Amino acid sequence: MNYYEMKFGKERTERMIPYMKQIGASENINFSYGGKVANTLNSHRLIEYAKKKSGLKCQDQVVDSLFKSYFEKEENLGDLSVLVSAAEISGLDKTEAEAFLKSDEGSAEVRNDMKNWRYRYRVDGVPFFILSAEDDAGAEYTLSGAQEPNAFTQVFEQFLRK
């Protein structure tokens, strides 16, 4: 909980945590905020690895497994065994995934992507949403952090007005 208080402030955290738990419960997500906040470079590497090895569906399964591990089970996403388990649950070969994670493969690419996103959009946390129109105007909006549904509605209304 200290991490959240340092990042968002005590007052905001005291409002945010119960709200997130309530919203999560309505979606069968049992948020728990007592886990260790760790470096997620290897999580991001695994997510990219899953996409390259088995496509977007597998990538989504890895993300879902990692979210469940961290947000519900309070598991450490810096722990190799947690990452390998997420890979295996998602249908990836356990031995291959572990070998990949023990290597440095994909690290430079992920770091570069993070740097580019941070520079282009000022991303400094997750979730981070980039909403863009597929028209000539190229309108683009960003939303950082957990947002109320109304925040998205406002962006969609902006698109409709253009």
C-alpha atoms as a PDB file:
ATOM      1  CA  MET A   1       0.000   0.000   0.000  1.00  0.00           C
ATOM      2  CA  ASN A   2       2.969   2.307   0.620  1.00  0.00           C
ATOM      3  CA  TYR A   3       3.789   2.318  -3.097  1.00  0.00           C
ATOM      4  CA  TYR A   4       0.315   3.579  -3.978  1.00  0.00           C
ATOM      5  CA  GLU A   5       0.397   6.222  -1.269  1.00  0.00           C
ATOM      6  CA  MET A   6       3.772   7.455  -2.521  1.00  0.00           C
ATOM      7  CA  LYS A   7       2.572   7.536  -6.123  1.00  0.00           C
ATOM      8  CA  PHE A   8      -0.959   8.915  -5.666  1.00  0.00           C
ATOM      9  CA  GLY A   9      -0.961  10.385  -2.158  1.00  0.00           C
ATOM     10  CA  LYS A  10      -2.673   9.001   0.921  1.00  0.00           C
ATOM     11  CA  GLU A  11      -5.999  10.743   0.358  1.00  0.00           C
ATOM     12  CA  ARG A  12      -6.354   9.663  -3.276  1.00  0.00           C
ATOM     13  CA  THR A  13      -5.289   6.094  -2.427  1.00  0.00           C
ATOM     14  CA  GLU A  14      -7.920   5.905   0.319  1.00  0.00           C
ATOM     15  CA  ARG A  15     -10.574   6.780  -2.287  1.00  0.00           C
ATOM     16  CA  MET A  16      -9.081   4.775  -5.166  1.00  0.00           C
ATOM     17  CA  ILE A  17      -8.574   1.360  -3.540  1.00  0.00           C
ATOM     18  CA  PRO A  18     -12.181   0.826  -2.330  1.00  0.00           C
ATOM     19  CA  TYR A  19     -13.500   2.104  -5.666  1.00  0.00           C
ATOM     20  CA  MET A  20     -11.268  -0.283  -7.652  1.00  0.00           C
ATOM     21  CA  LYS A  21     -12.261  -3.194  -5.396  1.00  0.00           C
ATOM     22  CA  GLN A  22     -15.943  -2.404  -5.934  1.00  0.00           C
ATOM     23  CA  ILE A  23     -15.593  -2.138  -9.714  1.00  0.00           C
ATOM     24  CA  GLY A  24     -13.424  -5.268  -9.812  1.00  0.00           C
ATOM     25  CA  ALA A  25     -15.934  -7.272  -7.775  1.00  0.00           C
ATOM     26  CA  SER A  26     -18.643  -6.415 -10.309  1.00  0.00           C
ATOM     27  CA  GLU A  27     -16.406  -8.033 -12.966  1.00  0.00           C
ATOM     28  CA  ASN A  28     -15.353 -11.020 -10.811  1.00  0.00           C
ATOM     29  CA  ILE A  29     -11.922  -9.512 -10.163  1.00  0.00           C
ATOM     30  CA  ASN A  30     -10.862  -9.668  -6.518  1.00  0.00           C
ATOM     31  CA  PHE A  31      -8.341  -6.842  -6.331  1.00  0.00           C
ATOM     32  CA  SER A  32      -5.792  -7.087  -3.554  1.00  0.00           C
ATOM     33  CA  TYR A  33      -3.166  -4.401  -3.149  1.00  0.00           C
ATOM     34  CA  GLY A  34      -0.669  -5.975  -0.760  1.00  0.00           C
ATOM     35  CA  GLY A  35       1.739  -7.460  -3.293  1.00  0.00           C
ATOM     36  CA  LYS A  36       5.278  -6.365  -3.981  1.00  0.00           C
ATOM     37  CA  VAL A  37       5.760  -3.814  -6.738  1.00  0.00           C
ATOM     38  CA  ALA A  38       8.663  -5.101  -8.822  1.00  0.00           C
ATOM     39  CA  ASN A  39      10.462  -4.286 -12.039  1.00  0.00           C
ATOM     40  CA  THR A  40       8.201  -5.438 -14.883  1.00  0.00           C
ATOM     41  CA  LEU A  41      10.726  -5.507 -17.728  1.00  0.00           C
ATOM     42  CA  ASN A  42      10.573  -9.303 -17.934  1.00  0.00           C
ATOM     43  CA  SER A  43       6.769  -9.237 -17.831  1.00  0.00           C
ATOM     44  CA  HIS A  44       6.789  -6.937 -20.839  1.00  0.00           C
ATOM     45  CA  ARG A  45       9.344  -9.172 -22.573  1.00  0.00           C
ATOM     46  CA  LEU A  46       7.111 -12.199 -21.945  1.00  0.00           C
ATOM     47  CA  ILE A  47       4.089 -10.351 -23.340  1.00  0.00           C
ATOM     48  CA  GLU A  48       5.982  -9.570 -26.561  1.00  0.00           C
ATOM     49  CA  TYR A  49       7.385 -13.107 -26.691  1.00  0.00           C
ATOM     50  CA  ALA A  50       3.862 -14.558 -26.471  1.00  0.00           C
ATOM     51  CA  LYS A  51       2.708 -12.402 -29.383  1.00  0.00           C
ATOM     52  CA  LYS A  52       5.673 -13.403 -31.547  1.00  0.00           C
ATOM     53  CA  LYS A  53       5.411 -17.103 -30.665  1.00  0.00           C
ATOM     54  CA  SER A  54       1.654 -17.625 -30.738  1.00  0.00           C
ATOM     55  CA  GLY A  55      -0.197 -14.440 -31.698  1.00  0.00           C
ATOM     56  CA  LEU A  56      -2.495 -11.922 -30.100  1.00  0.00           C
ATOM     57  CA  LYS A  57      -4.807 -14.406 -28.373  1.00  0.00           C
ATOM     58  CA  CYS A  58      -1.880 -15.945 -26.504  1.00  0.00           C
ATOM     59  CA  GLN A  59      -0.557 -12.474 -25.705  1.00  0.00           C
ATOM     60  CA  ASP A  60      -3.939 -11.567 -24.176  1.00  0.00           C
ATOM     61  CA  GLN A  61      -3.886 -14.780 -22.136  1.00  0.00           C
ATOM     62  CA  VAL A  62      -0.422 -13.931 -20.785  1.00  0.00           C
ATOM     63  CA  VAL A  63      -1.569 -10.431 -19.845  1.00  0.00           C
ATOM     64  CA  ASP A  64      -4.677 -11.831 -18.122  1.00  0.00           C
ATOM     65  CA  SER A  65      -2.569 -14.356 -16.217  1.00  0.00           C
ATOM     66  CA  LEU A  66      -0.056 -11.699 -15.139  1.00  0.00           C
ATOM     67  CA  PHE A  67      -2.841  -9.369 -14.014  1.00  0.00           C
ATOM     68  CA  LYS A  68      -4.460 -12.143 -11.988  1.00  0.00           C
ATOM     69  CA  SER A  69      -1.092 -13.046 -10.443  1.00  0.00           C
ATOM     70  CA  TYR A  70      -0.360  -9.491  -9.401  1.00  0.00           C
ATOM     71  CA  PHE A  71      -3.738  -7.926  -8.690  1.00  0.00           C
ATOM     72  CA  GLU A  72      -5.482 -10.914  -7.105  1.00  0.00           C
ATOM     73  CA  LYS A  73      -2.820 -13.288  -5.820  1.00  0.00           C
ATOM     74  CA  GLU A  74      -0.267 -10.634  -4.758  1.00  0.00           C
ATOM     75  CA  GLU A  75       2.470 -12.503  -6.616  1.00  0.00           C
ATOM     76  CA  ASN A  76       5.748 -10.814  -7.499  1.00  0.00           C
ATOM     77  CA  LEU A  77       5.996 -10.095 -11.238  1.00  0.00           C
ATOM     78  CA  GLY A  78       9.764  -9.902 -10.819  1.00  0.00           C
ATOM     79  CA  ASP A  79       9.832 -13.589  -9.861  1.00  0.00           C
ATOM     80  CA  LEU A  80      10.829 -15.893 -12.724  1.00  0.00           C
ATOM     81  CA  SER A  81       8.545 -18.709 -11.522  1.00  0.00           C
ATOM     82  CA  VAL A  82       5.485 -16.414 -11.664  1.00  0.00           C
ATOM     83  CA  LEU A  83       6.339 -15.429 -15.239  1.00  0.00           C
ATOM     84  CA  VAL A  84       6.997 -19.010 -16.355  1.00  0.00           C
ATOM     85  CA  SER A  85       3.699 -20.080 -14.800  1.00  0.00           C
ATOM     86  CA  ALA A  86       1.871 -17.338 -16.736  1.00  0.00           C
ATOM     87  CA  ALA A  87       3.525 -18.558 -19.937  1.00  0.00           C
ATOM     88  CA  GLU A  88       2.535 -22.168 -19.273  1.00  0.00           C
ATOM     89  CA  ILE A  89      -1.064 -21.277 -18.317  1.00  0.00           C
ATOM     90  CA  SER A  90      -1.280 -19.395 -21.617  1.00  0.00           C
ATOM     91  CA  GLY A  91      -0.194 -22.400 -23.663  1.00  0.00           C
ATOM     92  CA  LEU A  92       3.451 -21.532 -24.218  1.00  0.00           C
ATOM     93  CA  ASP A  93       6.145 -24.139 -23.784  1.00  0.00           C
ATOM     94  CA  LYS A  94       7.397 -23.783 -20.191  1.00  0.00           C
ATOM     95  CA  THR A  95      11.016 -24.720 -20.940  1.00  0.00           C
ATOM     96  CA  GLU A  96      11.269 -22.398 -23.949  1.00  0.00           C
ATOM     97  CA  ALA A  97       9.660 -19.513 -22.069  1.00  0.00           C
ATOM     98  CA  GLU A  98      12.008 -19.964 -19.127  1.00  0.00           C
ATOM     99  CA  ALA A  99      15.057 -20.061 -21.423  1.00  0.00           C
ATOM    100  CA  PHE A 100      13.834 -16.887 -23.128  1.00  0.00           C
ATOM    101  CA  LEU A 101      13.315 -15.101 -19.802  1.00  0.00           C
ATOM    102  CA  LYS A 102      16.755 -16.149 -18.558  1.00  0.00           C
ATOM    103  CA  SER A 103      18.315 -14.632 -21.686  1.00  0.00           C
ATOM    104  CA  ASP A 104      18.494 -10.958 -22.568  1.00  0.00           C
ATOM    105  CA  GLU A 105      16.568 -11.470 -25.801  1.00  0.00           C
ATOM    106  CA  GLY A 106      13.993  -8.766 -26.421  1.00  0.00           C
ATOM    107  CA  SER A 107      15.226  -6.545 -23.573  1.00  0.00           C
ATOM    108  CA  ALA A 108      16.630  -3.819 -25.807  1.00  0.00           C
ATOM    109  CA  GLU A 109      13.465  -3.752 -27.908  1.00  0.00           C
ATOM    110  CA  VAL A 110      11.182  -3.471 -24.877  1.00  0.00           C
ATOM    111  CA  ARG A 111      13.352  -0.747 -23.322  1.00  0.00           C
ATOM    112  CA  ASN A 112      13.329   1.121 -26.621  1.00  0.00           C
ATOM    113  CA  ASP A 113       9.539   0.812 -26.911  1.00  0.00           C
ATOM    114  CA  MET A 114       9.127   2.074 -23.340  1.00  0.00           C
ATOM    115  CA  LYS A 115      11.402   5.020 -24.058  1.00  0.00           C
ATOM    116  CA  ASN A 116       9.491   5.875 -27.241  1.00  0.00           C
ATOM    117  CA  TRP A 117       6.079   5.675 -25.532  1.00  0.00           C
ATOM    118  CA  ARG A 118       7.356   7.756 -22.617  1.00  0.00           C
ATOM    119  CA  TYR A 119       8.714  10.386 -24.996  1.00  0.00           C
ATOM    120  CA  ARG A 120       5.798  10.469 -27.446  1.00  0.00           C
ATOM    121  CA  TYR A 121       2.910  10.276 -24.971  1.00  0.00           C
ATOM    122  CA  ARG A 122       4.538  10.922 -21.585  1.00  0.00           C
ATOM    123  CA  VAL A 123       3.514   7.435 -20.425  1.00  0.00           C
ATOM    124  CA  ASP A 124       4.616   6.913 -16.836  1.00  0.00           C
ATOM    125  CA  GLY A 125       2.217   4.223 -15.683  1.00  0.00           C
ATOM    126  CA  VAL A 126      -0.511   1.802 -16.590  1.00  0.00           C
ATOM    127  CA  PRO A 127      -3.114   1.527 -17.757  1.00  0.00           C
ATOM    128  CA  PHE A 128      -2.556   4.039 -20.554  1.00  0.00           C
ATOM    129  CA  PHE A 129      -5.044   4.380 -23.393  1.00  0.00           C
ATOM    130  CA  ILE A 130      -4.427   5.956 -26.786  1.00  0.00           C
ATOM    131  CA  LEU A 131      -7.612   6.620 -28.710  1.00  0.00           C
ATOM    132  CA  SER A 132      -7.297   7.817 -32.276  1.00  0.00           C
ATOM    133  CA  ALA A 133      -9.603   8.463 -35.200  1.00  0.00           C
ATOM    134  CA  GLU A 134      -8.988   6.731 -38.500  1.00  0.00           C
ATOM    135  CA  ASP A 135      -9.754   9.821 -40.540  1.00  0.00           C
ATOM    136  CA  ASP A 136      -7.626  12.511 -42.165  1.00  0.00           C
ATOM    137  CA  ALA A 137      -7.799  14.743 -39.085  1.00  0.00           C
ATOM    138  CA  GLY A 138      -5.788  12.200 -37.085  1.00  0.00           C
ATOM    139  CA  ALA A 139      -7.318  13.264 -33.785  1.00  0.00           C
ATOM    140  CA  GLU A 140      -5.726  11.492 -30.859  1.00  0.00           C
ATOM    141  CA  TYR A 141      -6.580  11.445 -27.165  1.00  0.00           C
ATOM    142  CA  THR A 142      -4.811   9.790 -24.275  1.00  0.00           C
ATOM    143  CA  LEU A 143      -6.106   8.663 -20.900  1.00  0.00           C
ATOM    144  CA  SER A 144      -3.735   7.680 -18.141  1.00  0.00           C
ATOM    145  CA  GLY A 145      -4.608   5.540 -15.158  1.00  0.00           C
ATOM    146  CA  ALA A 146      -7.860   3.915 -14.162  1.00  0.00           C
ATOM    147  CA  GLN A 147     -10.676   6.018 -15.563  1.00  0.00           C
ATOM    148  CA  GLU A 148     -14.375   6.337 -14.989  1.00  0.00           C
ATOM    149  CA  PRO A 149     -16.447   5.185 -17.997  1.00  0.00           C
ATOM    150  CA  ASN A 150     -17.498   8.813 -18.448  1.00  0.00           C
ATOM    151  CA  ALA A 151     -13.920   9.757 -19.385  1.00  0.00           C
ATOM    152  CA  PHE A 152     -14.132   7.443 -22.394  1.00  0.00           C
ATOM    153  CA  THR A 153     -17.601   8.680 -23.268  1.00  0.00           C
ATOM    154  CA  GLN A 154     -16.278  12.246 -23.384  1.00  0.00           C
ATOM    155  CA  VAL A 155     -13.486  11.233 -25.760  1.00  0.00           C
ATOM    156  CA  PHE A 156     -15.906   9.342 -28.008  1.00  0.00           C
ATOM    157  CA  GLU A 157     -18.172  12.391 -28.080  1.00  0.00           C
ATOM    158  CA  GLN A 158     -15.176  14.511 -29.135  1.00  0.00           C
ATOM    159  CA  PHE A 159     -14.595  12.146 -32.055  1.00  0.00           C
ATOM    160  CA  LEU A 160     -18.238  12.380 -33.108  1.00  0.00           C
ATOM    161  CA  ARG A 161     -18.080  16.181 -33.134  1.00  0.00           C
ATOM    162  CA  LYS A 162     -15.142  16.225 -35.552  1.00  0.00           C
END
